[in-house]
């Protein structure tokens, strides 16, 4: 039978809880949250599962435990008064002597409240007591384990781990049934807490490092690592349905648009219109009955709404109607496991099936060593739901191809790649779009020119060019140039070469529509 710990997220990591009667040791350096985790274990048992519990403390007095519990809105005093929790202040010597006697005062105290759970905080004072009095600590540990087995309680014991002592495991790590390790590290001046289940006899569990937070009004909250999301079946859903990008011309370049359930990477330098394209895609999806989500890591929602309005997009109205959701998190404090948990809960609750991540370069900045696995976890989750997603990626180099493949390592997991960039012709910056990859489609391998105008990205007809504003260099259609992707195009095109060779006039330049956000 599994016993629910009641710690948010921990039972999910333990696949339901821990076997009844298991003895747990929670180890970690000072400040990792061992006592808070143990206190939550006892409180949840008494408050939620009708399992009274006892807390044995060698160092913290009852007043401090009550103070800490109050910070999480736990009525520990009320449960003490109701006889569901008992706090026992003692010493290692007294406790060990009690375990030598099956009918001692300690056992009677547990029986008096019908205790099912026990917290001993902590094992380190017992070790120090043994060392000072030249006693074999190994024997004391076995005595403790045997005593706990007789009492029939599920016990959690906390222990300090001193990293300076090296990696040789202590004897107690072998005799306890379940070992939970807590760590606390500073990255870029941010504190990250992790929880790892090292072993748990009699059950399976989700291995690896999971994010842990100590939250006001809640206590310890475990967010399982995103990469551990199980695949329920080996058969992945697919669909022949197409979802429009919001641009008929881009849909034609992709042989009909995006397959439902596909993953698209939109890569381009800053200012090429990735966010505009995202809004265009989501707005079009809403018109065909889809629920949509924009995960913004670059811009605050208020700024997004304002900027989109200049192009004719009413994001505020779409949000009010419940068709569009915007989830914003600052990249400064972003933790991937927590971020993932919030997204999937929102998607499942609202039935969302079209999602944009703007921009996944933030994930790379936040956790460069984890970004590839994290994006794969996201892609797998949404593919299993047959949801269509766009990853925006800001890349300053050759339209982002090598960065997607080598640095982000994302080209293998995406079905489609859309490249946006600037092309400099004379002194004029013009925007270019190419679609080098569309799985399952005959995409058009051409580079097209586009502008950002009312309604989003608009592709220009190839028959039309335009005159340079200064009237110096003819601005011809893209088909008149070589080397567009290199951003150093040459004007030695067949049209120009033929005109020069035969002494005829150069092709006419016509006016190009200018960007008009109004």
Protein backbone atom coordinates (compact mmCIF):
# COMPACT_ATOMS: atom_id res chain seq x y z
CA UNK A 1 0.00 0.00 0.00
CA UNK A 2 1.32 3.42 -0.92
CA UNK A 3 1.25 6.30 1.55
CA UNK A 4 0.75 9.73 0.04
CA UNK A 5 3.34 12.18 1.33
CA UNK A 6 1.03 15.13 0.70
CA UNK A 7 3.98 17.16 -0.60
CA UNK A 8 2.88 18.91 -3.80
CA UNK A 9 4.47 17.11 -6.75
CA UNK A 10 6.45 14.59 -4.68
CA UNK A 11 3.81 11.87 -4.92
CA UNK A 12 3.88 12.31 -8.69
CA UNK A 13 7.65 11.71 -8.67
CA UNK A 14 7.10 8.67 -6.42
CA UNK A 15 4.33 7.41 -8.74
CA UNK A 16 1.67 7.64 -6.05
CA UNK A 17 3.53 7.74 -2.75
CA UNK A 18 5.83 5.53 -0.69
CA UNK A 19 5.24 1.97 0.54
CA UNK A 20 3.75 1.97 4.04
CA UNK A 21 6.38 1.24 6.64
CA UNK A 22 9.27 2.46 4.51
CA UNK A 23 11.87 4.46 6.39
CA UNK A 24 12.97 7.58 4.49
CA UNK A 25 16.10 9.61 4.90
CA UNK A 26 16.11 13.15 3.49
CA UNK A 27 19.69 14.36 3.12
CA UNK A 28 21.07 17.71 2.09
CA UNK A 29 23.31 20.61 2.99
CA UNK A 30 22.08 23.31 5.40
CA UNK A 31 19.32 25.44 3.88
CA UNK A 32 18.10 22.90 1.32
CA UNK A 33 14.67 22.52 2.96
CA UNK A 34 14.92 19.22 4.84
CA UNK A 35 12.98 20.30 7.93
CA UNK A 36 10.32 22.07 5.85
CA UNK A 37 9.82 18.92 3.76
CA UNK A 38 9.53 16.78 6.90
CA UNK A 39 7.14 19.20 8.56
CA UNK A 40 4.94 19.15 5.47
CA UNK A 41 4.96 15.34 5.51
CA UNK A 42 3.63 15.26 9.08
CA UNK A 43 1.15 18.11 8.59
CA UNK A 44 -0.35 16.62 5.40
CA UNK A 45 -0.77 13.24 7.08
CA UNK A 46 -2.74 14.70 9.98
CA UNK A 47 -4.67 17.35 8.03
CA UNK A 48 -5.46 15.50 4.80
CA UNK A 49 -5.22 11.75 5.32
CA UNK A 50 -6.26 11.18 8.95
CA UNK A 51 -2.81 9.87 9.79
CA UNK A 52 -1.63 11.34 13.11
CA UNK A 53 2.09 11.96 13.40
CA UNK A 54 4.88 12.84 15.79
CA UNK A 55 7.83 15.20 15.37
CA UNK A 56 11.05 14.47 17.22
CA UNK A 57 13.30 17.53 17.38
CA UNK A 58 16.75 17.77 18.89
CA UNK A 59 17.43 21.40 18.02
CA UNK A 60 14.27 23.34 17.04
CA UNK A 61 11.81 24.05 19.86
CA UNK A 62 8.05 23.89 19.43
CA UNK A 63 7.69 27.67 19.15
CA UNK A 64 9.96 27.79 16.10
CA UNK A 65 8.16 24.88 14.46
CA UNK A 66 4.83 26.68 14.98
CA UNK A 67 6.32 29.86 13.52
CA UNK A 68 7.59 28.05 10.42
CA UNK A 69 4.27 26.25 9.94
CA UNK A 70 2.34 29.52 10.19
CA UNK A 71 4.36 30.87 7.26
CA UNK A 72 2.78 28.18 5.08
CA UNK A 73 -0.75 28.69 6.49
CA UNK A 74 -0.54 25.39 8.36
CA UNK A 75 -2.53 25.27 11.61
CA UNK A 76 -0.01 23.10 13.43
CA UNK A 77 -1.19 24.29 16.85
CA UNK A 78 -4.75 23.30 16.03
CA UNK A 79 -3.67 19.77 15.12
CA UNK A 80 -1.56 19.56 18.29
CA UNK A 81 -4.57 20.62 20.38
CA UNK A 82 -6.74 18.04 18.55
CA UNK A 83 -4.27 15.28 19.46
CA UNK A 84 -3.31 14.57 15.85
CA UNK A 85 0.27 15.82 16.04
CA UNK A 86 2.72 15.55 18.93
CA UNK A 87 6.01 17.43 19.19
CA UNK A 88 8.66 15.72 21.27
CA UNK A 89 11.75 17.64 22.41
CA UNK A 90 14.49 15.21 23.44
CA UNK A 91 18.15 14.34 23.05
CA UNK A 92 19.89 11.65 20.97
CA UNK A 93 20.84 9.74 24.13
CA UNK A 94 17.26 9.61 25.44
CA UNK A 95 15.82 8.67 22.05
CA UNK A 96 18.26 5.81 21.52
CA UNK A 97 17.58 4.47 24.98
CA UNK A 98 13.85 4.55 24.23
CA UNK A 99 14.37 2.50 21.08
CA UNK A 100 16.05 -0.20 23.15
CA UNK A 101 12.79 -0.61 25.04
CA UNK A 102 9.66 -1.58 23.09
CA UNK A 103 7.42 -0.41 25.93
CA UNK A 104 9.14 2.88 26.78
CA UNK A 105 7.64 6.34 27.15
CA UNK A 106 8.37 7.21 23.52
CA UNK A 107 6.41 4.23 22.19
CA UNK A 108 3.55 5.09 24.58
CA UNK A 109 3.51 8.68 23.27
CA UNK A 110 3.10 7.44 19.69
CA UNK A 111 0.37 4.99 20.70
CA UNK A 112 -1.51 7.70 22.59
CA UNK A 113 -2.26 9.59 19.37
CA UNK A 114 -2.39 6.53 17.09
CA UNK A 115 0.65 7.77 15.17
CA UNK A 116 1.08 6.58 11.58
CA UNK A 117 3.91 8.95 10.68
CA UNK A 118 7.08 10.06 12.39
CA UNK A 119 9.64 12.77 11.68
CA UNK A 120 13.06 12.64 13.32
CA UNK A 121 14.87 15.91 12.73
CA UNK A 122 17.69 14.95 12.44
CA UNK A 123 20.19 12.12 12.20
CA UNK A 124 23.27 14.34 12.39
CA UNK A 125 22.93 15.15 16.14
CA UNK A 126 22.76 11.40 16.76
CA UNK A 127 25.97 10.89 14.81
CA UNK A 128 27.70 13.69 16.71
CA UNK A 129 26.53 12.21 20.02
CA UNK A 130 28.01 8.84 19.08
CA UNK A 131 31.33 10.40 18.05
CA UNK A 132 31.63 12.44 21.26
CA UNK A 133 30.90 9.43 23.47
CA UNK A 134 32.99 7.03 21.37
CA UNK A 135 29.98 4.86 20.52
CA UNK A 136 29.60 2.83 17.31
CA UNK A 137 27.14 4.89 15.27
CA UNK A 138 26.47 1.97 12.90
CA UNK A 139 24.93 0.02 15.75
CA UNK A 140 22.82 3.03 16.73
CA UNK A 141 21.44 3.26 13.18
CA UNK A 142 20.46 -0.41 13.18
CA UNK A 143 18.87 0.09 16.59
CA UNK A 144 16.88 3.00 15.21
CA UNK A 145 15.68 1.06 12.16
CA UNK A 146 14.66 -1.96 14.24
CA UNK A 147 12.76 0.26 16.67
CA UNK A 148 10.90 2.01 13.86
CA UNK A 149 9.90 -1.35 12.37
CA UNK A 150 8.40 -2.44 15.71
CA UNK A 151 6.39 0.77 16.02
CA UNK A 152 4.80 0.33 12.60
CA UNK A 153 5.14 3.98 11.56
CA UNK A 154 6.26 5.47 8.25
CA UNK A 155 9.28 7.52 9.26
CA UNK A 156 11.16 10.39 7.66
CA UNK A 157 14.60 11.20 9.06
CA UNK A 158 16.58 14.29 8.05
CA UNK A 159 20.38 14.27 7.80
CA UNK A 160 22.97 16.92 7.05
CA UNK A 161 25.24 16.19 4.11
CA UNK A 162 28.65 17.83 4.20
CA UNK A 163 30.03 17.98 0.66
CA UNK A 164 33.52 18.55 2.06
CA UNK A 165 33.58 14.98 3.36
CA UNK A 166 33.72 13.62 -0.17
CA UNK A 167 31.39 11.28 -2.02
CA UNK A 168 31.82 8.12 0.11
CA UNK A 169 28.28 7.12 1.09
CA UNK A 170 27.48 6.82 4.81
CA UNK A 171 26.34 3.54 6.25
CA UNK A 172 22.84 4.84 6.93
CA UNK A 173 22.26 5.28 3.20
CA UNK A 174 22.30 1.49 2.85
CA UNK A 175 19.89 0.67 5.67
CA UNK A 176 17.14 3.18 4.89
CA UNK A 177 14.47 2.10 2.39
CA UNK A 178 14.10 5.43 0.60
CA UNK A 179 16.73 8.12 0.06
CA UNK A 180 15.77 11.63 -1.04
CA UNK A 181 18.57 14.07 -1.78
CA UNK A 182 18.09 17.85 -1.70
CA UNK A 183 20.51 20.34 -3.25
CA UNK A 184 20.72 24.10 -3.38
CA UNK A 185 22.98 25.87 -5.87
CA UNK A 186 23.46 29.39 -7.14
CA UNK A 187 23.44 30.02 -10.90
CA UNK A 188 23.86 33.54 -12.24
CA UNK A 189 23.06 34.82 -8.74
CA UNK A 190 19.80 32.85 -8.73
CA UNK A 191 19.11 30.06 -6.26
CA UNK A 192 17.95 26.72 -7.67
CA UNK A 193 16.72 23.90 -5.45
CA UNK A 194 16.62 20.30 -6.67
CA UNK A 195 15.16 17.05 -5.35
CA UNK A 196 16.37 13.61 -6.40
CA UNK A 197 15.04 10.22 -5.30
CA UNK A 198 18.17 8.09 -5.17
CA UNK A 199 16.41 4.86 -4.22
CA UNK A 200 13.09 3.59 -2.85
CA UNK A 201 12.66 -0.08 -2.09
CA UNK A 202 9.50 -1.81 -3.21
CA UNK A 203 8.47 0.69 -5.89
CA UNK A 204 9.39 2.44 -9.10
CA UNK A 205 9.84 6.20 -9.24
CA UNK A 206 10.86 8.94 -11.64
CA UNK A 207 14.62 9.20 -11.46
CA UNK A 208 16.64 12.31 -12.12
CA UNK A 209 16.75 15.82 -10.74
CA UNK A 210 13.46 17.67 -10.20
CA UNK A 211 12.96 21.35 -9.42
CA UNK A 212 11.97 22.15 -5.84
CA UNK A 213 10.57 25.39 -4.46
CA UNK A 214 9.64 26.49 -0.96
CA UNK A 215 6.57 28.65 -1.54
CA UNK A 216 4.84 31.00 0.88
CA UNK A 217 1.43 29.76 1.90
CA UNK A 218 2.14 26.30 0.50
CA UNK A 219 5.43 24.84 1.66
CA UNK A 220 7.55 22.55 -0.47
CA UNK A 221 6.44 22.13 -4.09
CA UNK A 222 8.17 19.66 -6.40
CA UNK A 223 8.02 20.22 -10.16
CA UNK A 224 9.00 17.03 -11.96
CA UNK A 225 11.56 17.44 -14.71
CA UNK A 226 9.96 18.18 -18.04
CA UNK A 227 11.89 15.45 -19.83
CA UNK A 228 10.28 12.76 -17.66
CA UNK A 229 6.80 13.14 -19.15
CA UNK A 230 5.74 9.61 -20.09
CA UNK A 231 4.75 8.61 -23.59
CA UNK A 232 1.44 6.81 -23.16
CA UNK A 233 1.70 4.98 -26.45
CA UNK A 234 4.29 4.26 -29.11
CA UNK A 235 1.76 5.27 -31.76
CA UNK A 236 1.96 9.02 -32.44
CA UNK A 237 -1.14 10.81 -33.69
CA UNK A 238 -0.99 12.38 -37.15
CA UNK A 239 -3.44 14.37 -39.23
CA UNK A 240 -3.96 15.36 -42.86
CA UNK A 241 -5.64 18.58 -41.74
CA UNK A 242 -3.80 21.78 -42.62
CA UNK A 243 -3.64 24.87 -40.41
CA UNK A 244 -3.09 28.17 -42.20
CA UNK A 245 -0.12 30.36 -41.35
CA UNK A 246 -2.39 33.36 -41.81
CA UNK A 247 -0.85 34.15 -45.20
CA UNK A 248 -2.13 32.51 -48.37
CA UNK A 249 1.18 33.12 -50.13
CA UNK A 250 3.20 31.48 -47.34
CA UNK A 251 0.73 28.58 -47.25
CA UNK A 252 1.42 28.06 -50.96
CA UNK A 253 5.17 28.05 -50.33
CA UNK A 254 4.54 25.28 -47.77
CA UNK A 255 2.29 23.26 -50.11
CA UNK A 256 -0.88 24.10 -48.22
CA UNK A 257 0.11 25.37 -44.77
CA UNK A 258 1.07 23.57 -41.57
CA UNK A 259 -0.04 20.05 -40.77
CA UNK A 260 -2.08 19.92 -37.56
CA UNK A 261 0.19 18.55 -34.85
CA UNK A 262 3.40 19.72 -36.54
CA UNK A 263 6.26 21.69 -35.02
CA UNK A 264 7.59 24.74 -36.86
CA UNK A 265 10.76 26.72 -36.18
CA UNK A 266 10.59 30.36 -37.29
CA UNK A 267 14.13 31.73 -37.28
CA UNK A 268 15.32 35.23 -38.01
CA UNK A 269 17.25 38.24 -36.85
CA UNK A 270 15.59 40.79 -34.58
CA UNK A 271 13.00 42.95 -36.37
CA UNK A 272 12.20 40.55 -39.20
CA UNK A 273 8.66 39.99 -37.94
CA UNK A 274 8.70 36.70 -36.02
CA UNK A 275 6.25 37.94 -33.40
CA UNK A 276 4.05 39.55 -36.05
CA UNK A 277 3.97 36.25 -37.95
CA UNK A 278 3.04 34.47 -34.71
CA UNK A 279 0.09 36.79 -34.09
CA UNK A 280 -0.96 36.40 -37.72
CA UNK A 281 -0.89 32.60 -37.36
CA UNK A 282 -2.83 32.54 -34.07
CA UNK A 283 -5.45 35.00 -35.32
CA UNK A 284 -6.05 32.88 -38.43
CA UNK A 285 -6.28 29.73 -36.29
CA UNK A 286 -8.96 31.32 -34.12
CA UNK A 287 -11.12 32.03 -37.20
CA UNK A 288 -11.23 28.27 -37.87
CA UNK A 289 -12.22 27.34 -34.33
CA UNK A 290 -8.88 26.73 -32.60
CA UNK A 291 -8.00 27.71 -29.03
CA UNK A 292 -4.63 29.45 -28.98
CA UNK A 293 -1.77 30.34 -26.64
CA UNK A 294 1.11 32.77 -27.00
CA UNK A 295 3.95 32.04 -24.57
CA UNK A 296 5.85 35.30 -24.41
CA UNK A 297 9.34 35.42 -22.94
CA UNK A 298 10.48 38.62 -24.66
CA UNK A 299 7.62 41.12 -24.41
CA UNK A 300 5.09 41.91 -21.72
CA UNK A 301 1.46 41.24 -22.80
CA UNK A 302 0.56 44.94 -22.62
CA UNK A 303 3.30 45.78 -25.10
CA UNK A 304 2.27 42.89 -27.36
CA UNK A 305 -1.34 44.09 -27.37
CA UNK A 306 -0.32 47.66 -28.17
CA UNK A 307 2.05 46.72 -31.00
CA UNK A 308 -0.39 44.24 -32.54
CA UNK A 309 -3.14 46.88 -32.58
CA UNK A 310 -1.04 49.03 -34.94
CA UNK A 311 -1.25 46.19 -37.48
CA UNK A 312 -4.99 45.65 -37.05
CA UNK A 313 -4.91 42.75 -34.56
CA UNK A 314 -7.30 42.97 -31.60
CA UNK A 315 -5.51 40.71 -29.12
CA UNK A 316 -7.37 42.16 -26.14
CA UNK A 317 -10.70 41.24 -27.73
CA UNK A 318 -9.51 37.71 -28.53
CA UNK A 319 -8.39 37.29 -24.93
CA UNK A 320 -11.73 38.55 -23.61
CA UNK A 321 -13.56 36.02 -25.79
CA UNK A 322 -11.44 33.16 -24.40
CA UNK A 323 -9.94 32.28 -27.79
CA UNK A 324 -6.43 33.55 -27.05
CA UNK A 325 -4.34 33.17 -23.91
CA UNK A 326 -1.03 34.93 -23.30
CA UNK A 327 1.35 33.42 -20.77
CA UNK A 328 4.21 35.71 -19.82
CA UNK A 329 7.23 34.90 -17.67
CA UNK A 330 10.31 37.01 -17.17
CA UNK A 331 13.48 35.25 -18.35
CA UNK A 332 15.31 36.57 -15.28
CA UNK A 333 13.74 34.00 -12.92
CA UNK A 334 12.71 31.32 -15.39
CA UNK A 335 12.99 27.69 -14.24
CA UNK A 336 12.22 25.22 -17.01
CA UNK A 337 10.39 22.54 -14.99
CA UNK A 338 8.08 25.08 -13.36
CA UNK A 339 7.52 26.86 -16.67
CA UNK A 340 6.65 23.56 -18.36
CA UNK A 341 4.23 22.61 -15.59
CA UNK A 342 2.34 25.90 -15.87
CA UNK A 343 2.06 25.66 -19.66
CA UNK A 344 0.74 22.10 -19.81
CA UNK A 345 -1.79 22.75 -17.07
CA UNK A 346 -3.09 25.80 -18.96
CA UNK A 347 -3.20 23.86 -22.25
CA UNK A 348 -5.06 20.92 -20.70
CA UNK A 349 -7.49 23.10 -18.76
CA UNK A 350 -8.42 25.36 -21.71
CA UNK A 351 -8.25 22.80 -24.54
CA UNK A 352 -5.59 24.77 -26.43
CA UNK A 353 -4.34 23.29 -29.71
CA UNK A 354 -2.29 26.08 -31.35
CA UNK A 355 0.72 27.45 -29.43
CA UNK A 356 3.56 29.89 -30.13
CA UNK A 357 6.75 30.14 -28.04
CA UNK A 358 8.31 33.57 -28.47
CA UNK A 359 11.22 33.11 -28.21
CA UNK A 360 12.92 29.79 -27.44
CA UNK A 361 16.27 31.58 -27.50
CA UNK A 362 15.41 32.52 -23.90
CA UNK A 363 15.44 28.84 -22.96
CA UNK A 364 18.90 28.58 -24.46
CA UNK A 365 20.06 31.57 -22.43
CA UNK A 366 18.50 30.29 -19.20
CA UNK A 367 19.65 26.65 -19.37
CA UNK A 368 21.99 26.05 -22.31
CA UNK A 369 22.79 22.49 -21.24
CA UNK A 370 19.12 21.50 -20.99
CA UNK A 371 17.48 23.38 -23.87
CA UNK A 372 17.63 20.58 -26.46
CA UNK A 373 16.00 18.01 -24.15
CA UNK A 374 13.49 20.58 -22.97
CA UNK A 375 12.36 21.50 -26.49
CA UNK A 376 12.06 17.80 -27.29
CA UNK A 377 9.84 17.34 -24.22
CA UNK A 378 7.65 20.25 -25.33
CA UNK A 379 7.41 18.96 -28.89
CA UNK A 380 6.55 15.44 -27.72
CA UNK A 381 3.83 16.67 -25.36
CA UNK A 382 2.12 18.77 -28.03
CA UNK A 383 2.47 16.17 -30.77
CA UNK A 384 0.72 13.66 -28.52
CA UNK A 385 -2.14 16.16 -28.24
CA UNK A 386 -2.09 16.83 -32.01
CA UNK A 387 -1.47 20.51 -31.23
CA UNK A 388 0.27 22.77 -33.76
CA UNK A 389 3.17 24.77 -32.34
CA UNK A 390 5.62 27.45 -33.48
CA UNK A 391 9.03 28.01 -31.92
CA UNK A 392 10.39 31.49 -32.63
CA UNK A 393 14.17 31.67 -32.54
CA UNK A 394 16.25 34.81 -32.84
CA UNK A 395 19.44 34.15 -34.80
CA UNK A 396 21.91 36.75 -36.06
CA UNK A 397 23.69 34.50 -38.55
CA UNK A 398 22.93 32.96 -41.94
CA UNK A 399 19.18 32.86 -41.44
CA UNK A 400 19.69 30.65 -38.40
CA UNK A 401 20.28 27.32 -40.14
CA UNK A 402 23.55 26.34 -38.50
CA UNK A 403 22.51 27.68 -35.08
CA UNK A 404 19.30 25.66 -35.13
CA UNK A 405 21.24 22.51 -36.01
CA UNK A 406 24.43 22.93 -34.00
CA UNK A 407 23.77 25.21 -31.04
CA UNK A 408 20.06 24.80 -30.37
CA UNK A 409 20.10 21.22 -31.71
CA UNK A 410 16.50 21.69 -32.72
CA UNK A 411 16.40 20.93 -36.43
CA UNK A 412 15.79 17.21 -35.89
CA UNK A 413 12.67 17.71 -33.77
CA UNK A 414 10.91 20.30 -35.96
CA UNK A 415 8.80 19.43 -38.98
CA UNK A 416 9.04 22.80 -40.68
CA UNK A 417 11.60 25.61 -40.82
CA UNK A 418 10.71 29.16 -41.89
CA UNK A 419 13.60 31.57 -42.30
CA UNK A 420 13.20 35.36 -42.10
CA UNK A 421 16.00 37.81 -42.78
CA UNK A 422 17.14 41.17 -44.09
CA UNK A 423 18.73 41.56 -47.50
CA UNK A 424 20.73 44.72 -48.19
CA UNK A 425 20.49 45.96 -51.78
CA UNK A 426 22.33 49.20 -52.26
CA UNK A 427 21.44 51.13 -49.12
CA UNK A 428 18.00 49.58 -48.72
CA UNK A 429 17.17 46.75 -46.26
CA UNK A 430 14.54 44.43 -47.68
CA UNK A 431 13.00 41.43 -45.95
CA UNK A 432 13.29 37.87 -47.29
CA UNK A 433 11.45 34.66 -46.43
CA UNK A 434 12.44 31.09 -47.34
CA UNK A 435 10.97 27.72 -46.35
CA UNK A 436 13.75 25.12 -46.62
CA UNK A 437 11.97 22.31 -44.77
CA UNK A 438 8.37 21.09 -44.68
CA UNK A 439 7.97 17.42 -43.80
CA UNK A 440 5.46 15.57 -45.94
CA UNK A 441 5.08 18.43 -48.42
CA UNK A 442 6.45 19.70 -51.72
CA UNK A 443 7.48 23.09 -50.43
CA UNK A 444 8.65 25.73 -52.90
CA UNK A 445 12.41 26.19 -52.58
CA UNK A 446 12.47 29.88 -53.42
CA UNK A 447 13.24 33.10 -51.57
CA UNK A 448 10.40 35.61 -51.52
CA UNK A 449 10.24 39.22 -50.48
CA UNK A 450 7.75 40.45 -47.90
CA UNK A 451 6.78 43.57 -46.02
CA UNK A 452 5.14 44.05 -42.62
CA UNK A 453 1.87 45.91 -43.11
CA UNK A 454 -1.75 45.87 -42.01
CA UNK A 455 -2.64 42.24 -41.31
CA UNK A 456 0.94 41.02 -40.83
CA UNK A 457 3.46 39.64 -43.30
CA UNK A 458 2.58 40.32 -46.96
CA UNK A 459 4.57 38.71 -49.77
CA UNK A 460 5.29 40.80 -52.85
CA UNK A 461 4.59 39.75 -56.40
CA UNK A 462 7.75 38.85 -58.28
CA UNK A 463 6.70 40.88 -61.33
CA UNK A 464 7.10 44.09 -59.39
CA UNK A 465 10.25 45.74 -58.22
CA UNK A 466 10.61 49.23 -56.85
CA UNK A 467 12.80 52.30 -57.14
CA UNK A 468 15.33 53.22 -54.52
CA UNK A 469 14.02 56.22 -52.56
CA UNK A 470 17.15 58.20 -53.49
CA UNK A 471 16.73 57.28 -57.15
CA UNK A 472 20.31 56.01 -57.38
CA UNK A 473 20.22 52.24 -57.84
CA UNK A 474 17.36 50.34 -59.47
CA UNK A 475 15.66 48.03 -56.95
CA UNK A 476 14.65 44.93 -58.90
CA UNK A 477 12.61 41.89 -57.87
CA UNK A 478 14.47 39.18 -55.92
CA UNK A 479 14.48 37.00 -59.04
CA UNK A 480 16.93 39.50 -60.54
CA UNK A 481 19.64 38.78 -57.96
CA UNK A 482 22.00 36.01 -56.88
CA UNK A 483 23.14 35.22 -53.31
CA UNK A 484 20.11 36.46 -51.41
CA UNK A 485 20.57 34.00 -48.54
CA UNK A 486 24.14 35.17 -48.03
CA UNK A 487 22.80 38.69 -47.46
CA UNK A 488 25.30 39.90 -50.07
CA UNK A 489 23.26 39.67 -53.27
CA UNK A 490 24.80 40.32 -56.67
CA UNK A 491 22.94 42.27 -59.36
CA UNK A 492 24.62 40.30 -62.15
CA UNK A 493 21.38 38.60 -63.02
CA UNK A 494 20.41 37.28 -66.46
CA UNK A 495 18.15 40.30 -67.01
CA UNK A 496 20.93 42.78 -66.31
CA UNK A 497 23.57 40.78 -68.19
CA UNK A 498 21.34 40.59 -71.26
CA UNK A 499 20.65 44.33 -71.16
CA UNK A 500 24.36 45.13 -70.84
CA UNK A 501 25.36 42.66 -73.59
CA UNK A 502 22.87 44.02 -76.10
CA UNK A 503 23.10 47.68 -75.12
CA UNK A 504 19.44 47.85 -74.23
CA UNK A 505 17.91 49.66 -71.27
CA UNK A 506 17.80 48.01 -67.83
CA UNK A 507 14.48 46.62 -66.60
CA UNK A 508 12.15 49.24 -65.23
CA UNK A 509 11.85 49.74 -61.46
CA UNK A 510 8.45 50.35 -59.98
CA UNK A 511 7.45 51.63 -56.59
CA UNK A 512 7.42 49.09 -53.77
CA UNK A 513 4.70 49.42 -51.13
CA UNK A 514 6.26 50.79 -47.95
CA UNK A 515 5.60 49.40 -44.48
CA UNK A 516 2.51 51.11 -43.14
CA UNK A 517 1.64 50.05 -39.61
CA UNK A 518 -1.25 52.49 -39.38
